[in-house]
PDB file of N, CA and C in Angstrom:
ATOM      1  N   MET A   1       4.813  15.468  14.019  1.00  0.00           N
ATOM      2  CA  MET A   1       5.026  16.398  13.909  1.00  0.00           C
ATOM      3  C   MET A   1       6.007  16.827  12.752  1.00  0.00           C
ATOM      4  N   GLN A   2       5.522  17.762  11.971  1.00  0.00           N
ATOM      5  CA  GLN A   2       6.807  18.276  10.574  1.00  0.00           C
ATOM      6  C   GLN A   2       7.659  19.414  11.264  1.00  0.00           C
ATOM      7  N   TRP A   3       8.864  19.304  11.150  1.00  0.00           N
ATOM      8  CA  TRP A   3       9.829  20.113  11.334  1.00  0.00           C
ATOM      9  C   TRP A   3      10.663  20.768  10.412  1.00  0.00           C
ATOM     10  N   GLN A   4      11.145  21.832  10.292  1.00  0.00           N
ATOM     11  CA  GLN A   4      12.251  22.317   9.352  1.00  0.00           C
ATOM     12  C   GLN A   4      13.286  22.961  10.275  1.00  0.00           C
ATOM     13  N   LEU A   5      14.450  22.159   9.403  1.00  0.00           N
ATOM     14  CA  LEU A   5      15.522  22.793  10.273  1.00  0.00           C
ATOM     15  C   LEU A   5      16.370  23.506   8.828  1.00  0.00           C
ATOM     16  N   VAL A   6      17.139  24.357   9.730  1.00  0.00           N
ATOM     17  CA  VAL A   6      17.871  25.612   8.851  1.00  0.00           C
ATOM     18  C   VAL A   6      19.355  25.100   9.088  1.00  0.00           C
ATOM     19  N   THR A   7      20.396  24.915   8.349  1.00  0.00           N
ATOM     20  CA  THR A   7      21.671  25.041   8.506  1.00  0.00           C
ATOM     21  C   THR A   7      22.852  25.923   8.885  1.00  0.00           C
ATOM     22  N   HIS A   8      23.686  26.261   9.357  1.00  0.00           N
ATOM     23  CA  HIS A   8      24.256  27.377   9.179  1.00  0.00           C
ATOM     24  C   HIS A   8      24.777  27.820   7.759  1.00  0.00           C
ATOM     25  N   GLU A   9      24.686  27.131   6.880  1.00  0.00           N
ATOM     26  CA  GLU A   9      25.072  27.088   5.287  1.00  0.00           C
ATOM     27  C   GLU A   9      23.941  27.507   4.749  1.00  0.00           C
ATOM     28  N   GLY A  10      22.381  28.024   5.579  1.00  0.00           N
ATOM     29  CA  GLY A  10      21.702  28.138   4.302  1.00  0.00           C
ATOM     30  C   GLY A  10      20.572  27.039   4.126  1.00  0.00           C
ATOM     31  N   LEU A  11      20.749  25.699   4.392  1.00  0.00           N
ATOM     32  CA  LEU A  11      20.571  24.556   3.714  1.00  0.00           C
ATOM     33  C   LEU A  11      18.831  24.277   4.801  1.00  0.00           C
ATOM     34  N   THR A  12      17.622  24.648   3.790  1.00  0.00           N
ATOM     35  CA  THR A  12      16.449  24.029   4.531  1.00  0.00           C
ATOM     36  C   THR A  12      16.050  22.394   4.356  1.00  0.00           C
ATOM     37  N   HIS A  13      16.076  21.539   5.528  1.00  0.00           N
ATOM     38  CA  HIS A  13      15.551  20.412   5.770  1.00  0.00           C
ATOM     39  C   HIS A  13      14.296  20.334   5.699  1.00  0.00           C
ATOM     40  N   SER A  14      13.169  19.531   5.308  1.00  0.00           N
ATOM     41  CA  SER A  14      11.680  19.487   6.326  1.00  0.00           C
ATOM     42  C   SER A  14      11.462  17.581   6.345  1.00  0.00           C
ATOM     43  N   GLY A  15      10.923  17.767   7.621  1.00  0.00           N
ATOM     44  CA  GLY A  15      10.141  16.305   7.903  1.00  0.00           C
ATOM     45  C   GLY A  15      10.216  15.879   9.127  1.00  0.00           C
ATOM     46  N   MET A  16       9.573  14.659   9.592  1.00  0.00           N
ATOM     47  CA  MET A  16       9.304  14.087  10.693  1.00  0.00           C
ATOM     48  C   MET A  16      10.588  13.789  11.737  1.00  0.00           C
ATOM     49  N   ILE A  17      11.067  14.325  12.714  1.00  0.00           N
ATOM     50  CA  ILE A  17      12.340  13.332  13.300  1.00  0.00           C
ATOM     51  C   ILE A  17      12.056  12.047  13.670  1.00  0.00           C
ATOM     52  N   VAL A  18      12.597  11.372  12.694  1.00  0.00           N
ATOM     53  CA  VAL A  18      12.897   9.996  12.903  1.00  0.00           C
ATOM     54  C   VAL A  18      13.480   9.526  14.157  1.00  0.00           C
ATOM     55  N   GLU A  19      14.517  10.140  14.203  1.00  0.00           N
ATOM     56  CA  GLU A  19      15.644   9.642  15.368  1.00  0.00           C
ATOM     57  C   GLU A  19      16.580  10.929  15.781  1.00  0.00           C
ATOM     58  N   GLU A  20      16.793  11.016  16.831  1.00  0.00           N
ATOM     59  CA  GLU A  20      17.580  12.180  17.383  1.00  0.00           C
ATOM     60  C   GLU A  20      18.637  11.811  18.366  1.00  0.00           C
ATOM     61  N   ASN A  21      19.487  11.661  18.193  1.00  0.00           N
ATOM     62  CA  ASN A  21      20.984  10.960  19.191  1.00  0.00           C
ATOM     63  C   ASN A  21      22.424  10.988  18.790  1.00  0.00           C
ATOM     64  N   ASN A  22      23.333  10.860  19.165  1.00  0.00           N
ATOM     65  CA  ASN A  22      24.572  10.674  18.458  1.00  0.00           C
ATOM     66  C   ASN A  22      24.755  11.717  17.727  1.00  0.00           C
ATOM     67  N   GLY A  23      24.539  13.222  18.288  1.00  0.00           N
ATOM     68  CA  GLY A  23      24.957  14.536  17.376  1.00  0.00           C
ATOM     69  C   GLY A  23      24.483  14.631  16.222  1.00  0.00           C
ATOM     70  N   GLN A  24      23.244  14.033  15.692  1.00  0.00           N
ATOM     71  CA  GLN A  24      22.722  14.136  14.733  1.00  0.00           C
ATOM     72  C   GLN A  24      20.630  13.803  14.796  1.00  0.00           C
ATOM     73  N   ILE A  25      20.527  14.610  14.200  1.00  0.00           N
ATOM     74  CA  ILE A  25      19.009  14.120  13.735  1.00  0.00           C
ATOM     75  C   ILE A  25      18.720  13.525  12.458  1.00  0.00           C
ATOM     76  N   VAL A  26      17.437  12.375  12.257  1.00  0.00           N
ATOM     77  CA  VAL A  26      17.245  11.930  11.275  1.00  0.00           C
ATOM     78  C   VAL A  26      16.136  12.216  10.731  1.00  0.00           C
ATOM     79  N   LEU A  27      15.745  13.250   9.841  1.00  0.00           N
ATOM     80  CA  LEU A  27      14.149  13.742   9.404  1.00  0.00           C
ATOM     81  C   LEU A  27      13.974  12.405   8.161  1.00  0.00           C
ATOM     82  N   GLY A  28      12.437  12.287   8.380  1.00  0.00           N
ATOM     83  CA  GLY A  28      12.143  11.363   7.124  1.00  0.00           C
ATOM     84  C   GLY A  28      10.954  12.256   6.501  1.00  0.00           C
ATOM     85  N   ASN A  29      10.630  12.262   5.229  1.00  0.00           N
ATOM     86  CA  ASN A  29       9.848  13.241   4.511  1.00  0.00           C
ATOM     87  C   ASN A  29       8.679  11.827   4.013  1.00  0.00           C
ATOM     88  N   LEU A  30       7.554  12.670   3.446  1.00  0.00           N
ATOM     89  CA  LEU A  30       6.580  12.060   2.892  1.00  0.00           C
ATOM     90  C   LEU A  30       6.657  10.767   1.951  1.00  0.00           C
ATOM     91  N   GLU A  31       8.218  10.687   1.173  1.00  0.00           N
ATOM     92  CA  GLU A  31       8.200   9.865   0.119  1.00  0.00           C
ATOM     93  C   GLU A  31       9.111   8.521   0.898  1.00  0.00           C
ATOM     94  N   GLY A  32       9.547   9.081   2.069  1.00  0.00           N
ATOM     95  CA  GLY A  32       9.818   7.694   3.002  1.00  0.00           C
ATOM     96  C   GLY A  32      11.641   8.137   2.905  1.00  0.00           C
ATOM     97  N   VAL A  33      12.301   9.482   2.133  1.00  0.00           N
ATOM     98  CA  VAL A  33      13.506   9.583   2.356  1.00  0.00           C
ATOM     99  C   VAL A  33      13.878   9.627   3.652  1.00  0.00           C
ATOM    100  N   LEU A  34      14.853   9.478   4.038  1.00  0.00           N
ATOM    101  CA  LEU A  34      15.686  10.009   5.286  1.00  0.00           C
ATOM    102  C   LEU A  34      16.926  10.705   5.074  1.00  0.00           C
ATOM    103  N   THR A  35      16.958  11.916   5.590  1.00  0.00           N
ATOM    104  CA  THR A  35      17.886  13.082   5.864  1.00  0.00           C
ATOM    105  C   THR A  35      18.791  13.102   7.256  1.00  0.00           C
ATOM    106  N   LYS A  36      20.132  12.871   7.241  1.00  0.00           N
ATOM    107  CA  LYS A  36      20.512  12.951   8.339  1.00  0.00           C
ATOM    108  C   LYS A  36      21.343  14.481   8.228  1.00  0.00           C
ATOM    109  N   VAL A  37      21.201  15.066   9.652  1.00  0.00           N
ATOM    110  CA  VAL A  37      22.049  16.380   9.723  1.00  0.00           C
ATOM    111  C   VAL A  37      22.417  16.451  11.080  1.00  0.00           C
ATOM    112  N   LYS A  38      23.224  16.705  11.278  1.00  0.00           N
ATOM    113  CA  LYS A  38      24.520  16.902  12.325  1.00  0.00           C
ATOM    114  C   LYS A  38      24.011  18.259  13.324  1.00  0.00           C
ATOM    115  N   THR A  39      23.612  17.469  14.342  1.00  0.00           N
ATOM    116  CA  THR A  39      23.129  18.702  15.511  1.00  0.00           C
ATOM    117  C   THR A  39      23.898  20.056  15.616  1.00  0.00           C
ATOM    118  N   LYS A  40      25.390  20.125  15.242  1.00  0.00           N
ATOM    119  CA  LYS A  40      26.080  21.399  15.335  1.00  0.00           C
ATOM    120  C   LYS A  40      26.126  22.256  14.403  1.00  0.00           C
ATOM    121  N   GLU A  41      25.239  21.383  13.151  1.00  0.00           N
ATOM    122  CA  GLU A  41      25.251  22.399  11.849  1.00  0.00           C
ATOM    123  C   GLU A  41      23.939  22.877  11.892  1.00  0.00           C
ATOM    124  N   ILE A  42      23.014  23.159  12.985  1.00  0.00           N
ATOM    125  CA  ILE A  42      21.691  23.408  12.890  1.00  0.00           C
ATOM    126  C   ILE A  42      21.976  24.330  13.398  1.00  0.00           C
ATOM    127  N   GLU A  43      21.097  25.635  12.430  1.00  0.00           N
ATOM    128  CA  GLU A  43      21.040  26.919  13.075  1.00  0.00           C
ATOM    129  C   GLU A  43      19.473  27.608  13.406  1.00  0.00           C
ATOM    130  N   SER A  44      18.760  26.678  12.804  1.00  0.00           N
ATOM    131  CA  SER A  44      17.269  26.821  13.588  1.00  0.00           C
ATOM    132  C   SER A  44      16.719  25.648  13.292  1.00  0.00           C
ATOM    133  N   ARG A  45      15.597  25.322  14.298  1.00  0.00           N
ATOM    134  CA  ARG A  45      14.696  24.070  14.334  1.00  0.00           C
ATOM    135  C   ARG A  45      13.574  24.455  14.534  1.00  0.00           C
ATOM    136  N   ILE A  46      12.231  24.579  13.247  1.00  0.00           N
ATOM    137  CA  ILE A  46      11.455  25.340  13.784  1.00  0.00           C
ATOM    138  C   ILE A  46       9.838  24.360  13.616  1.00  0.00           C
ATOM    139  N   ALA A  47       9.290  23.781  14.402  1.00  0.00           N
ATOM    140  CA  ALA A  47       7.776  23.097  14.485  1.00  0.00           C
ATOM    141  C   ALA A  47       6.699  23.897  13.295  1.00  0.00           C
ATOM    142  N   GLN A  48       6.578  22.902  12.592  1.00  0.00           N
ATOM    143  CA  GLN A  48       5.373  23.263  11.335  1.00  0.00           C
ATOM    144  C   GLN A  48       4.077  23.298  11.909  1.00  0.00           C
ATOM    145  N   PRO A  49       3.326  24.461  11.657  1.00  0.00           N
ATOM    146  CA  PRO A  49       2.008  24.297  12.580  1.00  0.00           C
ATOM    147  C   PRO A  49       1.027  23.457  11.437  1.00  0.00           C
ATOM    148  N   LYS A  50       1.447  23.189  10.002  1.00  0.00           N
ATOM    149  CA  LYS A  50       0.854  22.581   9.286  1.00  0.00           C
ATOM    150  C   LYS A  50       0.914  20.900   9.775  1.00  0.00           C
ATOM    151  N   SER A  51      -0.342  20.120   9.841  1.00  0.00           N
ATOM    152  CA  SER A  51       0.081  18.393   9.597  1.00  0.00           C
ATOM    153  C   SER A  51       0.255  17.834   8.313  1.00  0.00           C
ATOM    154  N   ILE A  52       1.430  16.814   8.552  1.00  0.00           N
ATOM    155  CA  ILE A  52       1.630  16.243   7.227  1.00  0.00           C
ATOM    156  C   ILE A  52       0.340  15.539   6.915  1.00  0.00           C
ATOM    157  N   MET A  53      -0.467  15.272   7.612  1.00  0.00           N
ATOM    158  CA  MET A  53      -1.476  14.113   7.075  1.00  0.00           C
ATOM    159  C   MET A  53      -2.433  14.963   5.562  1.00  0.00           C
ATOM    160  N   PRO A  54      -2.702  14.098   5.094  1.00  0.00           N
ATOM    161  CA  PRO A  54      -3.065  14.601   3.869  1.00  0.00           C
ATOM    162  C   PRO A  54      -4.652  15.127   4.188  1.00  0.00           C
ATOM    163  N   ALA A  55      -5.133  16.191   3.367  1.00  0.00           N
ATOM    164  CA  ALA A  55      -6.307  16.885   3.561  1.00  0.00           C
ATOM    165  C   ALA A  55      -7.332  16.088   3.021  1.00  0.00           C
ATOM    166  N   LYS A  56      -8.381  15.450   3.919  1.00  0.00           N
ATOM    167  CA  LYS A  56      -9.773  14.858   3.354  1.00  0.00           C
ATOM    168  C   LYS A  56      -9.338  13.232   3.355  1.00  0.00           C
ATOM    169  N   LEU A  57      -8.093  12.763   4.131  1.00  0.00           N
ATOM    170  CA  LEU A  57      -7.922  11.658   3.773  1.00  0.00           C
ATOM    171  C   LEU A  57      -8.644  10.537   3.572  1.00  0.00           C
ATOM    172  N   VAL A  58     -10.251  10.550   4.682  1.00  0.00           N
ATOM    173  CA  VAL A  58     -11.333   9.978   4.852  1.00  0.00           C
ATOM    174  C   VAL A  58     -11.643   9.623   3.499  1.00  0.00           C
ATOM    175  N   ASP A  59     -11.679  10.765   2.276  1.00  0.00           N
ATOM    176  CA  ASP A  59     -12.334  10.430   1.026  1.00  0.00           C
ATOM    177  C   ASP A  59     -10.867   9.284   0.107  1.00  0.00           C
ATOM    178  N   LEU A  60      -9.930   9.065   0.681  1.00  0.00           N
ATOM    179  CA  LEU A  60      -9.036   8.767  -0.265  1.00  0.00           C
ATOM    180  C   LEU A  60      -8.910   7.153   0.280  1.00  0.00           C
ATOM    181  N   LEU A  61      -9.792   6.494   1.441  1.00  0.00           N
ATOM    182  CA  LEU A  61      -9.668   5.300   1.736  1.00  0.00           C
ATOM    183  C   LEU A  61     -11.029   4.905   1.527  1.00  0.00           C
ATOM    184  N   THR A  62     -10.885   3.486   1.292  1.00  0.00           N
ATOM    185  CA  THR A  62     -11.851   2.556   1.304  1.00  0.00           C
ATOM    186  C   THR A  62     -12.479   2.715   2.892  1.00  0.00           C
ATOM    187  N   THR A  63     -13.845   1.973   2.764  1.00  0.00           N
ATOM    188  CA  THR A  63     -14.245   1.536   4.149  1.00  0.00           C
ATOM    189  C   THR A  63     -13.537   0.931   4.969  1.00  0.00           C
ATOM    190  N   GLU A  64     -13.188  -0.227   4.634  1.00  0.00           N
ATOM    191  CA  GLU A  64     -12.431  -1.110   5.407  1.00  0.00           C
ATOM    192  C   GLU A  64     -10.801  -0.354   5.726  1.00  0.00           C
ATOM    193  N   GLU A  65     -10.102   0.440   4.999  1.00  0.00           N
ATOM    194  CA  GLU A  65      -8.618   1.049   5.389  1.00  0.00           C
ATOM    195  C   GLU A  65      -9.399   1.840   6.224  1.00  0.00           C
ATOM    196  N   PHE A  66     -10.320   2.830   6.289  1.00  0.00           N
ATOM    197  CA  PHE A  66     -10.398   3.208   7.434  1.00  0.00           C
ATOM    198  C   PHE A  66     -11.073   2.729   8.566  1.00  0.00           C
ATOM    199  N   ARG A  67     -11.732   1.739   8.607  1.00  0.00           N
ATOM    200  CA  ARG A  67     -11.665   0.914   9.819  1.00  0.00           C
ATOM    201  C   ARG A  67     -10.650   0.414  10.382  1.00  0.00           C
ATOM    202  N   ASP A  68      -9.668   0.394   9.722  1.00  0.00           N
ATOM    203  CA  ASP A  68      -8.319  -0.477  10.136  1.00  0.00           C
ATOM    204  C   ASP A  68      -7.735   0.854  10.799  1.00  0.00           C
ATOM    205  N   LEU A  69      -7.771   2.444  10.209  1.00  0.00           N
ATOM    206  CA  LEU A  69      -6.821   3.236  10.535  1.00  0.00           C
ATOM    207  C   LEU A  69      -7.239   3.468  11.719  1.00  0.00           C
ATOM    208  N   VAL A  70      -8.646   3.417  11.946  1.00  0.00           N
ATOM    209  CA  VAL A  70      -9.330   3.748  13.391  1.00  0.00           C
ATOM    210  C   VAL A  70      -8.997   2.644  14.352  1.00  0.00           C
ATOM    211  N   ALA A  71      -9.096   1.355  13.760  1.00  0.00           N
ATOM    212  CA  ALA A  71      -8.980   0.299  15.038  1.00  0.00           C
ATOM    213  C   ALA A  71      -7.344   0.550  15.457  1.00  0.00           C
ATOM    214  N   TYR A  72      -6.388   0.492  14.336  1.00  0.00           N
ATOM    215  CA  TYR A  72      -4.887   0.886  14.804  1.00  0.00           C
ATOM    216  C   TYR A  72      -4.572   2.251  15.836  1.00  0.00           C
ATOM    217  N   LEU A  73      -5.640   3.337  15.578  1.00  0.00           N
ATOM    218  CA  LEU A  73      -5.181   4.321  16.446  1.00  0.00           C
ATOM    219  C   LEU A  73      -6.009   4.341  17.628  1.00  0.00           C
ATOM    220  N   GLU A  74      -6.937   3.482  17.583  1.00  0.00           N
ATOM    221  CA  GLU A  74      -7.628   3.038  19.295  1.00  0.00           C
ATOM    222  C   GLU A  74      -6.548   2.235  19.987  1.00  0.00           C
ATOM    223  N   SER A  75      -5.887   1.450  19.047  1.00  0.00           N
ATOM    224  CA  SER A  75      -4.938   0.535  20.166  1.00  0.00           C
ATOM    225  C   SER A  75      -3.631   0.900  20.606  1.00  0.00           C
ATOM    226  N   LEU A  76      -3.814   2.600  20.163  1.00  0.00           N
ATOM    227  CA  LEU A  76      -2.286   3.201  20.713  1.00  0.00           C
ATOM    228  C   LEU A  76      -2.664   3.867  22.177  1.00  0.00           C
ATOM    229  N   ARG A  77      -4.317   3.681  22.391  1.00  0.00           N
ATOM    230  CA  ARG A  77      -4.219   4.116  23.746  1.00  0.00           C
ATOM    231  C   ARG A  77      -3.654   3.850  25.124  1.00  0.00           C
TER     232      ARG A  77
END
């Protein structure tokens, strides 16, 4: 799930929560960049309704890549 964090200073950070402990949240964006935000600095935390999964992902994958993706997702059950 994608999150948007807004700090008391008005800075906005978006990404997936990678880690949340020791008084901080670590967000990871689509480029793999990690951003650390101290929990006490967060004014609001909003779940974003839009998925970070690229639209029409199937069209971007080869048949083998798609099969591998489905097999991986099945293994998580």
